[in-house]
């Protein structure tokens, strides 16, 4: 894919290196001249441009890119760049970095954002996931905030131990998608039994998340 990254700071450069290793074409847009260093990532296309200036984005050929990543350290710039990418250039996939979690509510489809990544929120979720047993933890927001990826780790003495997956009654808009057991990733089948310490990953709509908590509590799990 052709991927344009706004912001050539530490975050933007790290993303660029990973994408290049995977065989994608990458363009780095950077407003500050002293941050431009083609020697640091010679396989990327470096462009000195303000990511919020429409004419400069046109000159950079933004319309030819399939994915845009707004990765600057300024939430306002990331929002404007996302909106321009989606509305002016019809970019199929727009990913935006959220620097201040208080601004996370702005990063949605109205600003052209398909996926918002909040590093503080993600780190906090991963910490909670690592230390919480029996708690429902939100790991990631999907589909522009319409659904969530949530996780719960079963206690070692869970009442579900030995019971088949098919006995777990879930709300309509929630689905058990994966069971993590030791080093294994299990795609659950109705006859597969649960075990203590299983990590259950669900995809659920925002509205059904509370119903999922109630359903788990009904089965002896109180998230």
Protein backbone atom coordinates (compact mmCIF):
# COMPACT_ATOMS: atom_id res chain seq x y z
CA UNK A 1 0.00 0.00 0.00
CA UNK A 2 0.94 3.64 -0.31
CA UNK A 3 0.85 5.21 3.16
CA UNK A 4 1.27 8.90 3.98
CA UNK A 5 2.37 9.80 7.51
CA UNK A 6 1.95 13.33 8.84
CA UNK A 7 4.63 14.05 11.41
CA UNK A 8 8.22 12.81 11.21
CA UNK A 9 8.93 12.82 14.93
CA UNK A 10 9.78 9.69 16.89
CA UNK A 11 6.29 8.23 16.46
CA UNK A 12 6.04 8.93 12.73
CA UNK A 13 9.50 7.57 12.02
CA UNK A 14 8.86 4.39 13.99
CA UNK A 15 5.64 3.75 12.08
CA UNK A 16 7.40 4.44 8.78
CA UNK A 17 10.17 1.93 9.53
CA UNK A 18 7.66 -0.78 10.42
CA UNK A 19 5.62 -0.20 7.26
CA UNK A 20 8.69 -0.17 5.04
CA UNK A 21 9.83 -3.47 6.55
CA UNK A 22 6.45 -4.88 5.53
CA UNK A 23 6.96 -3.77 1.95
CA UNK A 24 4.71 -0.71 1.83
CA UNK A 25 5.50 2.62 0.18
CA UNK A 26 5.75 5.45 2.70
CA UNK A 27 5.72 9.24 2.48
CA UNK A 28 6.63 11.35 5.53
CA UNK A 29 5.18 14.85 5.73
CA UNK A 30 6.99 17.19 8.11
CA UNK A 31 6.40 20.88 8.78
CA UNK A 32 9.63 21.61 10.65
CA UNK A 33 12.64 21.67 8.38
CA UNK A 34 15.06 20.60 11.11
CA UNK A 35 13.06 17.36 11.57
CA UNK A 36 13.58 16.30 7.96
CA UNK A 37 16.36 13.73 7.71
CA UNK A 38 16.15 11.53 4.59
CA UNK A 39 19.30 9.70 5.66
CA UNK A 40 17.48 8.37 8.74
CA UNK A 41 14.91 6.53 6.60
CA UNK A 42 16.24 6.57 3.02
CA UNK A 43 13.48 4.32 1.62
CA UNK A 44 10.74 6.80 2.53
CA UNK A 45 9.69 9.82 0.49
CA UNK A 46 10.31 12.94 2.58
CA UNK A 47 8.20 16.04 1.96
CA UNK A 48 8.62 19.40 3.66
CA UNK A 49 5.01 20.49 4.03
CA UNK A 50 2.39 21.59 6.52
CA UNK A 51 -0.05 18.68 6.75
CA UNK A 52 -2.92 21.15 7.15
CA UNK A 53 -2.27 23.07 3.92
CA UNK A 54 -4.49 21.80 1.11
CA UNK A 55 -2.30 23.06 -1.75
CA UNK A 56 0.81 21.45 -0.30
CA UNK A 57 -0.98 18.15 0.13
CA UNK A 58 -2.08 18.31 -3.50
CA UNK A 59 1.50 18.92 -4.58
CA UNK A 60 2.60 15.91 -2.52
CA UNK A 61 0.11 13.70 -4.41
CA UNK A 62 -2.05 12.87 -1.40
CA UNK A 63 -4.82 11.70 -3.72
CA UNK A 64 -2.69 8.71 -4.74
CA UNK A 65 -2.38 7.31 -1.21
CA UNK A 66 -4.60 4.57 0.20
CA UNK A 67 -3.88 5.15 3.89
CA UNK A 68 -3.10 8.29 5.86
CA UNK A 69 -1.73 8.35 9.40
CA UNK A 70 -1.98 11.63 11.29
CA UNK A 71 0.85 11.16 13.79
CA UNK A 72 1.88 14.65 14.82
CA UNK A 73 2.12 15.73 18.45
CA UNK A 74 -0.69 18.26 17.95
CA UNK A 75 -4.27 16.98 18.18
CA UNK A 76 -5.63 19.98 16.26
CA UNK A 77 -3.26 19.29 13.37
CA UNK A 78 -4.15 15.61 13.38
CA UNK A 79 -7.86 16.38 13.19
CA UNK A 80 -7.48 18.89 10.34
CA UNK A 81 -5.19 16.57 8.40
CA UNK A 82 -7.62 13.68 8.85
CA UNK A 83 -10.53 15.76 7.62
CA UNK A 84 -8.64 16.95 4.54
CA UNK A 85 -7.45 13.44 3.74
CA UNK A 86 -10.96 12.02 3.87
CA UNK A 87 -13.03 14.84 2.35
CA UNK A 88 -10.64 16.41 -0.16
CA UNK A 89 -8.62 13.40 -1.27
CA UNK A 90 -10.97 10.49 -0.61
CA UNK A 91 -8.37 8.49 1.31
CA UNK A 92 -9.83 5.08 2.09
CA UNK A 93 -8.34 4.61 5.57
CA UNK A 94 -7.45 7.41 7.98
CA UNK A 95 -5.73 6.63 11.28
CA UNK A 96 -5.16 9.43 13.79
CA UNK A 97 -3.00 9.70 16.89
CA UNK A 98 -4.69 11.11 20.00
CA UNK A 99 -2.17 12.91 22.21
CA UNK A 100 -4.51 14.15 24.93
CA UNK A 101 -7.15 11.59 26.04
CA UNK A 102 -9.50 14.48 26.81
CA UNK A 103 -9.74 15.09 23.05
CA UNK A 104 -10.53 11.49 22.16
CA UNK A 105 -14.25 12.18 21.71
CA UNK A 106 -13.44 14.44 18.73
CA UNK A 107 -11.67 11.73 16.75
CA UNK A 108 -14.57 10.20 14.85
CA UNK A 109 -16.05 10.08 11.37
CA UNK A 110 -17.16 13.71 11.54
CA UNK A 111 -13.45 14.61 11.37
CA UNK A 112 -12.68 11.93 8.80
CA UNK A 113 -11.09 9.55 11.31
CA UNK A 114 -11.60 5.82 10.76
CA UNK A 115 -9.39 4.65 13.64
CA UNK A 116 -8.23 6.73 16.62
CA UNK A 117 -5.23 5.55 18.59
CA UNK A 118 -4.80 6.98 22.08
CA UNK A 119 -1.45 5.83 23.46
CA UNK A 120 -2.27 6.73 27.09
CA UNK A 121 -5.62 4.93 26.88
CA UNK A 122 -4.06 1.90 25.19
CA UNK A 123 -1.27 1.66 27.75
CA UNK A 124 -3.75 1.96 30.61
CA UNK A 125 -5.89 -0.80 29.09
CA UNK A 126 -2.92 -3.10 28.68
CA UNK A 127 -1.93 -2.53 32.31
CA UNK A 128 -5.46 -3.30 33.45
CA UNK A 129 -5.56 -6.39 31.24
CA UNK A 130 -2.31 -7.62 32.76
CA UNK A 131 -3.30 -7.22 36.39
CA UNK A 132 -7.07 -7.70 36.42
CA UNK A 133 -8.68 -11.09 36.89
CA UNK A 134 -12.45 -11.22 36.64
CA UNK A 135 -12.72 -7.63 35.35
CA UNK A 136 -14.01 -6.70 31.91
CA UNK A 137 -11.34 -4.51 30.30
CA UNK A 138 -11.82 -2.46 27.12
CA UNK A 139 -8.76 -2.98 24.92
CA UNK A 140 -9.65 -1.17 21.72
CA UNK A 141 -12.39 0.81 19.98
CA UNK A 142 -13.43 -0.45 16.54
CA UNK A 143 -15.50 0.81 13.64
CA UNK A 144 -15.29 4.49 14.49
CA UNK A 145 -16.50 3.95 18.03
CA UNK A 146 -19.39 1.63 17.13
CA UNK A 147 -17.86 -1.45 18.76
CA UNK A 148 -15.26 -2.40 21.35
CA UNK A 149 -12.78 -5.21 21.81
CA UNK A 150 -13.03 -6.24 25.46
CA UNK A 151 -11.27 -8.89 27.53
CA UNK A 152 -11.89 -10.79 30.73
CA UNK A 153 -9.57 -13.25 32.46
CA UNK A 154 -11.39 -16.08 34.18
CA UNK A 155 -10.39 -16.80 37.79
CA UNK A 156 -8.54 -20.07 38.39
CA UNK A 157 -11.60 -21.39 40.25
CA UNK A 158 -14.16 -20.10 37.74
CA UNK A 159 -17.60 -21.64 37.77
CA UNK A 160 -17.31 -22.00 33.98
CA UNK A 161 -14.44 -24.50 34.20
CA UNK A 162 -15.32 -27.64 32.23
CA UNK A 163 -18.47 -26.13 30.77
CA UNK A 164 -18.73 -25.88 26.96
CA UNK A 165 -18.58 -22.53 25.20
CA UNK A 166 -22.10 -23.12 23.90
CA UNK A 167 -23.54 -22.76 27.41
CA UNK A 168 -22.41 -19.12 27.63
CA UNK A 169 -25.44 -16.98 26.85
CA UNK A 170 -24.44 -13.64 25.33
CA UNK A 171 -26.41 -10.54 24.34
CA UNK A 172 -27.31 -10.18 20.68
CA UNK A 173 -24.57 -7.70 19.75
CA UNK A 174 -21.69 -9.40 21.56
CA UNK A 175 -19.55 -12.29 20.35
CA UNK A 176 -16.79 -14.39 21.88
CA UNK A 177 -14.08 -14.31 19.19
CA UNK A 178 -10.98 -15.80 20.85
CA UNK A 179 -9.82 -17.70 23.90
CA UNK A 180 -6.20 -17.19 24.92
CA UNK A 181 -4.94 -20.17 26.90
CA UNK A 182 -1.26 -20.22 27.77
CA UNK A 183 0.52 -19.74 24.47
CA UNK A 184 -2.46 -20.89 22.40
CA UNK A 185 -5.00 -18.85 20.45
CA UNK A 186 -8.27 -20.78 20.29
CA UNK A 187 -11.14 -19.99 17.95
CA UNK A 188 -13.97 -21.15 20.21
CA UNK A 189 -16.35 -23.88 19.07
CA UNK A 190 -19.61 -24.64 20.94
CA UNK A 191 -18.23 -27.88 22.42
CA UNK A 192 -14.89 -26.44 23.59
CA UNK A 193 -14.69 -26.37 27.41
CA UNK A 194 -13.62 -23.33 29.39
CA UNK A 195 -10.67 -23.56 31.78
CA UNK A 196 -9.52 -21.48 34.72
CA UNK A 197 -7.21 -18.58 33.77
CA UNK A 198 -8.61 -18.45 30.21
CA UNK A 199 -8.55 -14.98 28.66
CA UNK A 200 -11.77 -14.35 26.75
CA UNK A 201 -11.87 -11.72 24.01
CA UNK A 202 -15.24 -10.34 22.93
CA UNK A 203 -16.33 -7.91 20.26
CA UNK A 204 -19.37 -5.99 21.43
CA UNK A 205 -21.34 -2.95 20.40
CA UNK A 206 -21.08 -0.01 22.77
CA UNK A 207 -24.73 -0.43 23.74
CA UNK A 208 -24.33 -4.15 24.48
CA UNK A 209 -21.25 -3.83 26.69
CA UNK A 210 -23.28 -3.44 29.88
CA UNK A 211 -25.53 -6.34 28.82
CA UNK A 212 -22.36 -8.43 28.42
CA UNK A 213 -21.39 -7.61 32.00
CA UNK A 214 -24.81 -8.74 33.20
CA UNK A 215 -24.60 -11.95 31.15
CA UNK A 216 -21.18 -12.81 32.56
CA UNK A 217 -22.41 -12.12 36.08
CA UNK A 218 -25.30 -14.53 35.41
CA UNK A 219 -22.70 -17.23 34.73
CA UNK A 220 -20.87 -16.56 37.96
CA UNK A 221 -18.37 -14.01 36.60
CA UNK A 222 -18.72 -10.57 38.14
CA UNK A 223 -16.78 -8.05 36.03
